[in-house]
Structure formats: structure tokens, C-alpha cells
Amino acid sequence: MDEQQRGSAAAAVFDALGAEYEKAFAGSAAHRSSLQWLLGRLAPGGRVLDVGSGTGRPTAETLAGAGHEVLGVDVSPVMVDIATRQVPGASFQCADIRELPLDDALFDAVCVYFSLLQMSRDEQERLLRRLVRALRPGGSLAVATVPLDVEDAEGVFMGQRVRVTSFAAEDFTAKVTGAGLSVVSEESVLFTPAHPDAVPEPHLFLHCVREGDVAVVAAR
């Protein structure tokens, strides 16, 4: 499956899930904790890129509600429509983040919550490097994934057939640091989405800064 086919497949899955995805993941305490980490790092009026913004909740809603300028990007037109209605304080764009031009040092923070899983390993690595370049020096990046050593594995997610690629936790962390980030904290949890077809899944949240800013983080 090539890049365009993967993008179309991801759009179809999340078009079908729509608001059900938000309901299923609303109970994630680790996600809320990750957002609080970002809020603690951002200066007033920060510019934030939310990759795979979904319905806009909780990520864009939380950050925009705190006064930050949020751009959400999602490949699913249904998700973008829902987010635009639910979070009028943020901006949303329907696009494949792999193809979207990103200026260097444009954002103070980037969020990438579970939006890498339907990309190939090469695509994930390339995107992480692009996102690091889009961060200003000292900027923050929060990323979450399902840390499993699988490549183009077929499965069922909330009743939808999906193909998933990921890395084991240690390998994923190595890819993140290799992209030019320093990991300053992490959280691993087992989470069961609130959906009748869902099963428990491991979640890994990494909280990172663009390399060279670790001392500043430790002092805050």
C-alpha cells in the first residue's frame, strides 16, 4: 500500500468513526495529563500544531481554551467538520500532514496523539523529522502511540478494519530522539476505550523538547 492509499484508508476509518472516537477516548487520564504538561511549557498565546486533530476534543479545545493559537490537521473530512463546529476557537484543515508544507520554527508546540499508526515506519520517521524542524528552538512536542512491534498488520479497531504499523516502546523512543528531540518525561498505561468493540491497548506518551533545551525544562 503506497502513501496515498494509506491516507485514503485512514480517512475512511475515521470518517466512519466520527464522534464515536471522541466518546471512546474521553476517559484517558494520560491524555489529559499530557495536555497539562504542554500547557505548563507554553508561553501565553503560543502557536500549536495538532496533528491528527480528530473531533477537536480534548486537545484543540483544551489548548485553544487556554488562549493558544491552534491549527488542527486531519485527513478525515468528517472529523474536520465536527472539530470546526465543536471548537470554534481553533482552526482546522483537512489535509494529509505528510503532504502539507510546514515552515521552519513556526510552532511553539506540536501534538501527535496516535496519528502515526497508519503510516509506514519510514513515513513516521520522516514526519517526525519534519515536525521537529517546524518547532521553534526550545519548543515542545507531545507524541503518543501504541507501542507494539508490528508492521502493516491487519486488525479491527472499534469495528473498523485497519492496517497498523508501530514500533516497540524502546525503538519508538529511539526514533523520536533520532529526529532531534530530547525526551524529558514519559507515561505508559493500559487503556480500554469506552466502546463495545474495543479491547485494552498499551499507550505510550512521550513529552519532548527540541534538542538543546533540557536544562531549561529541568529549571521550570
Protein backbone atom coordinates (compact mmCIF):
# COMPACT_ATOMS: atom_id res chain seq x y z
CA MET A 1 0.00 0.00 0.00
CA ASP A 2 1.50 3.36 -1.01
CA GLU A 3 1.31 6.69 0.87
CA GLN A 4 -1.81 7.91 -0.94
CA GLN A 5 -3.65 4.63 -0.34
CA ARG A 6 -2.76 4.71 3.36
CA GLY A 7 -4.08 8.28 3.62
CA SER A 8 -7.34 7.32 1.93
CA ALA A 9 -7.73 4.27 4.16
CA ALA A 10 -7.16 6.34 7.31
CA ALA A 11 -9.69 8.93 6.16
CA ALA A 12 -12.29 6.22 5.54
CA VAL A 13 -11.80 4.70 9.01
CA PHE A 14 -12.13 7.98 10.87
CA ASP A 15 -14.95 9.25 8.67
CA ALA A 16 -16.84 6.15 9.79
CA LEU A 17 -15.96 6.54 13.47
CA GLY A 18 -16.72 10.26 13.71
CA ALA A 19 -17.86 11.34 17.19
CA GLU A 20 -17.67 7.74 18.45
CA TYR A 21 -13.89 8.08 18.58
CA GLU A 22 -14.12 11.07 20.93
CA LYS A 23 -16.52 9.23 23.25
CA ALA A 24 -14.32 6.15 23.31
CA PHE A 25 -11.18 8.02 24.36
CA ALA A 26 -12.70 10.73 26.57
CA GLY A 27 -11.67 8.86 29.73
CA SER A 28 -7.93 8.90 29.02
CA ALA A 29 -6.29 10.45 32.09
CA ALA A 30 -2.88 10.08 30.43
CA HIS A 31 -4.01 12.26 27.51
CA ARG A 32 -5.26 14.96 29.88
CA SER A 33 -2.01 14.78 31.83
CA SER A 34 -0.05 15.19 28.60
CA LEU A 35 -2.03 18.31 27.73
CA GLN A 36 -1.29 19.75 31.17
CA TRP A 37 2.42 19.20 30.51
CA LEU A 38 2.11 21.16 27.27
CA LEU A 39 0.18 23.96 28.97
CA GLY A 40 2.94 24.23 31.57
CA ARG A 41 5.52 24.68 28.82
CA LEU A 42 3.69 27.19 26.62
CA ALA A 43 4.02 30.95 26.97
CA PRO A 44 0.79 32.96 26.56
CA GLY A 45 -0.55 32.96 23.01
CA GLY A 46 1.58 30.06 21.81
CA ARG A 47 1.19 28.60 18.32
CA VAL A 48 0.37 24.88 18.38
CA LEU A 49 0.07 22.29 15.61
CA ASP A 50 -2.30 19.41 16.40
CA VAL A 51 -1.52 16.52 14.02
CA GLY A 52 -4.49 14.20 13.58
CA SER A 53 -6.80 16.61 15.40
CA GLY A 54 -9.91 14.41 15.18
CA THR A 55 -13.02 15.94 16.70
CA GLY A 56 -11.01 18.72 18.33
CA ARG A 57 -11.60 17.32 21.81
CA PRO A 58 -9.81 17.23 24.13
CA THR A 59 -6.60 18.54 22.53
CA ALA A 60 -7.54 21.59 20.46
CA GLU A 61 -10.35 22.54 22.85
CA THR A 62 -8.04 22.47 25.89
CA LEU A 63 -5.23 24.41 24.22
CA ALA A 64 -7.45 26.99 22.49
CA GLY A 65 -9.41 27.42 25.72
CA ALA A 66 -6.14 28.41 27.43
CA GLY A 67 -5.62 31.18 24.88
CA HIS A 68 -3.29 29.45 22.43
CA GLU A 69 -3.46 29.61 18.63
CA VAL A 70 -4.19 26.08 17.47
CA LEU A 71 -4.07 24.64 13.94
CA GLY A 72 -5.56 21.16 13.71
CA VAL A 73 -4.79 19.00 10.68
CA ASP A 74 -6.70 15.80 9.93
CA VAL A 75 -7.11 13.62 6.85
CA SER A 76 -10.78 12.89 7.65
CA PRO A 77 -13.27 15.48 6.35
CA VAL A 78 -15.90 14.21 8.80
CA MET A 79 -13.56 14.76 11.73
CA VAL A 80 -12.60 18.24 10.49
CA ASP A 81 -16.27 19.19 10.15
CA ILE A 82 -17.02 18.02 13.69
CA ALA A 83 -13.96 19.80 15.11
CA THR A 84 -14.78 23.07 13.34
CA ARG A 85 -18.25 23.05 14.91
CA GLN A 86 -17.12 21.91 18.35
CA VAL A 87 -14.04 24.10 18.77
CA PRO A 88 -14.64 27.45 17.05
CA GLY A 89 -11.64 28.92 18.86
CA ALA A 90 -9.21 26.82 16.80
CA SER A 91 -8.54 26.46 13.08
CA PHE A 92 -8.79 23.13 11.28
CA GLN A 93 -7.59 21.97 7.89
CA CYS A 94 -8.46 18.77 6.04
CA ALA A 95 -5.13 17.58 4.67
CA ASP A 96 -2.59 14.78 4.78
CA ILE A 97 0.11 16.05 7.12
CA ARG A 98 2.74 14.20 5.06
CA GLU A 99 1.99 16.50 2.12
CA LEU A 100 1.30 19.76 3.98
CA PRO A 101 4.08 22.38 3.66
CA LEU A 102 5.43 23.37 7.09
CA ASP A 103 7.66 26.39 7.64
CA ASP A 104 10.70 26.01 9.87
CA ALA A 105 10.39 27.13 13.51
CA LEU A 106 6.75 28.11 13.02
CA PHE A 107 5.22 26.46 16.12
CA ASP A 108 5.84 26.65 19.85
CA ALA A 109 4.41 23.16 20.34
CA VAL A 110 3.29 20.15 18.32
CA CYS A 111 0.86 17.39 19.38
CA VAL A 112 0.90 13.99 17.68
CA TYR A 113 -1.59 11.84 19.55
CA PHE A 114 -1.91 8.38 17.92
CA SER A 115 -1.82 9.82 14.38
CA LEU A 116 1.27 7.91 13.20
CA LEU A 117 -0.18 4.41 13.41
CA GLN A 118 -1.49 4.21 9.85
CA MET A 119 1.77 5.39 8.29
CA SER A 120 4.70 3.19 7.31
CA ARG A 121 7.78 3.21 9.52
CA ASP A 122 9.70 5.31 7.00
CA GLU A 123 6.82 7.80 6.82
CA GLN A 124 6.69 8.05 10.61
CA GLU A 125 10.40 8.79 10.81
CA ARG A 126 10.28 11.37 8.00
CA LEU A 127 7.27 13.11 9.54
CA LEU A 128 8.87 13.29 12.98
CA ARG A 129 11.92 14.99 11.47
CA ARG A 130 9.69 17.48 9.61
CA LEU A 131 7.74 18.25 12.78
CA VAL A 132 10.95 18.90 14.69
CA ARG A 133 12.02 21.39 12.04
CA ALA A 134 8.61 23.09 12.35
CA LEU A 135 9.25 23.65 16.07
CA ARG A 136 10.97 26.77 17.27
CA PRO A 137 14.21 26.20 19.25
CA GLY A 138 13.18 25.02 22.71
CA GLY A 139 9.69 24.11 21.50
CA SER A 140 7.71 21.19 22.93
CA LEU A 141 6.35 18.06 21.27
CA ALA A 142 3.94 15.57 22.80
CA VAL A 143 3.54 12.27 20.97
CA ALA A 144 1.50 9.18 21.80
CA THR A 145 1.45 5.79 20.15
CA VAL A 146 0.51 2.17 20.71
CA PRO A 147 3.95 0.66 21.34
CA LEU A 148 3.80 -2.67 19.52
CA ASP A 149 6.36 -4.19 17.17
CA VAL A 150 4.03 -4.54 14.17
CA GLU A 151 4.33 -3.57 10.51
CA ASP A 152 1.33 -3.29 8.20
CA ALA A 153 -0.66 -5.59 10.49
CA GLU A 154 -4.35 -6.03 9.78
CA GLY A 155 -6.80 -5.73 12.66
CA VAL A 156 -10.15 -4.40 13.81
CA PHE A 157 -10.39 -1.11 15.69
CA MET A 158 -13.77 -0.16 17.15
CA GLY A 159 -15.48 -2.26 14.50
CA GLN A 160 -13.42 -0.85 11.60
CA ARG A 161 -10.82 -2.85 9.67
CA VAL A 162 -7.44 -1.13 9.87
CA ARG A 163 -3.83 -1.72 8.96
CA VAL A 164 -1.41 -0.62 11.66
CA THR A 165 2.33 -0.04 11.82
CA SER A 166 4.18 0.78 15.00
CA PHE A 167 7.40 0.24 16.96
CA ALA A 168 8.17 -1.39 20.29
CA ALA A 169 8.45 1.25 23.03
CA GLU A 170 12.26 1.30 23.13
CA ASP A 171 12.52 1.54 19.35
CA PHE A 172 9.90 4.29 19.13
CA THR A 173 11.72 6.34 21.75
CA ALA A 174 14.93 5.91 19.73
CA LYS A 175 13.18 7.18 16.59
CA VAL A 176 11.92 10.23 18.48
CA THR A 177 15.36 11.10 19.86
CA GLY A 178 16.90 10.40 16.46
CA ALA A 179 14.62 13.02 14.96
CA GLY A 180 16.26 15.68 17.13
CA LEU A 181 14.16 15.63 20.30
CA SER A 182 15.06 15.13 23.94
CA VAL A 183 12.53 13.05 25.89
CA VAL A 184 12.02 14.68 29.29
CA SER A 185 9.17 12.51 30.58
CA GLU A 186 7.03 9.58 29.54
CA GLU A 187 3.97 7.67 30.66
CA SER A 188 2.97 4.11 29.81
CA VAL A 189 -0.59 2.97 30.52
CA LEU A 190 -3.02 0.24 29.55
CA PHE A 191 -6.22 1.87 28.34
CA THR A 192 -9.54 0.38 27.26
CA PRO A 193 -11.59 2.69 25.01
CA ALA A 194 -15.24 3.10 26.03
CA HIS A 195 -16.66 1.19 23.08
CA PRO A 196 -18.29 -2.27 22.92
CA ASP A 197 -15.82 -3.47 20.26
CA ALA A 198 -12.72 -2.08 21.97
CA VAL A 199 -10.03 -4.10 23.73
CA PRO A 200 -7.33 -2.96 26.19
CA GLU A 201 -4.38 -1.39 24.41
CA PRO A 202 -0.99 -0.12 25.63
CA HIS A 203 -0.43 3.61 25.27
CA LEU A 204 2.92 5.38 25.38
CA PHE A 205 3.09 9.17 25.82
CA LEU A 206 6.43 10.92 25.28
CA HIS A 207 6.97 14.55 26.26
CA CYS A 208 9.85 16.08 24.36
CA VAL A 209 11.68 19.30 23.63
CA ARG A 210 13.68 20.27 20.61
CA GLU A 211 17.22 19.16 21.41
CA GLY A 212 19.40 21.53 23.43
CA ASP A 213 16.69 22.76 25.82
CA VAL A 214 16.79 20.08 28.53
CA ALA A 215 18.39 22.34 31.16
CA VAL A 216 15.65 24.93 30.71
CA VAL A 217 12.95 22.29 31.21
CA ALA A 218 14.56 20.99 34.39
CA ALA A 219 14.63 24.51 35.85
CA ARG A 220 10.92 25.22 35.30
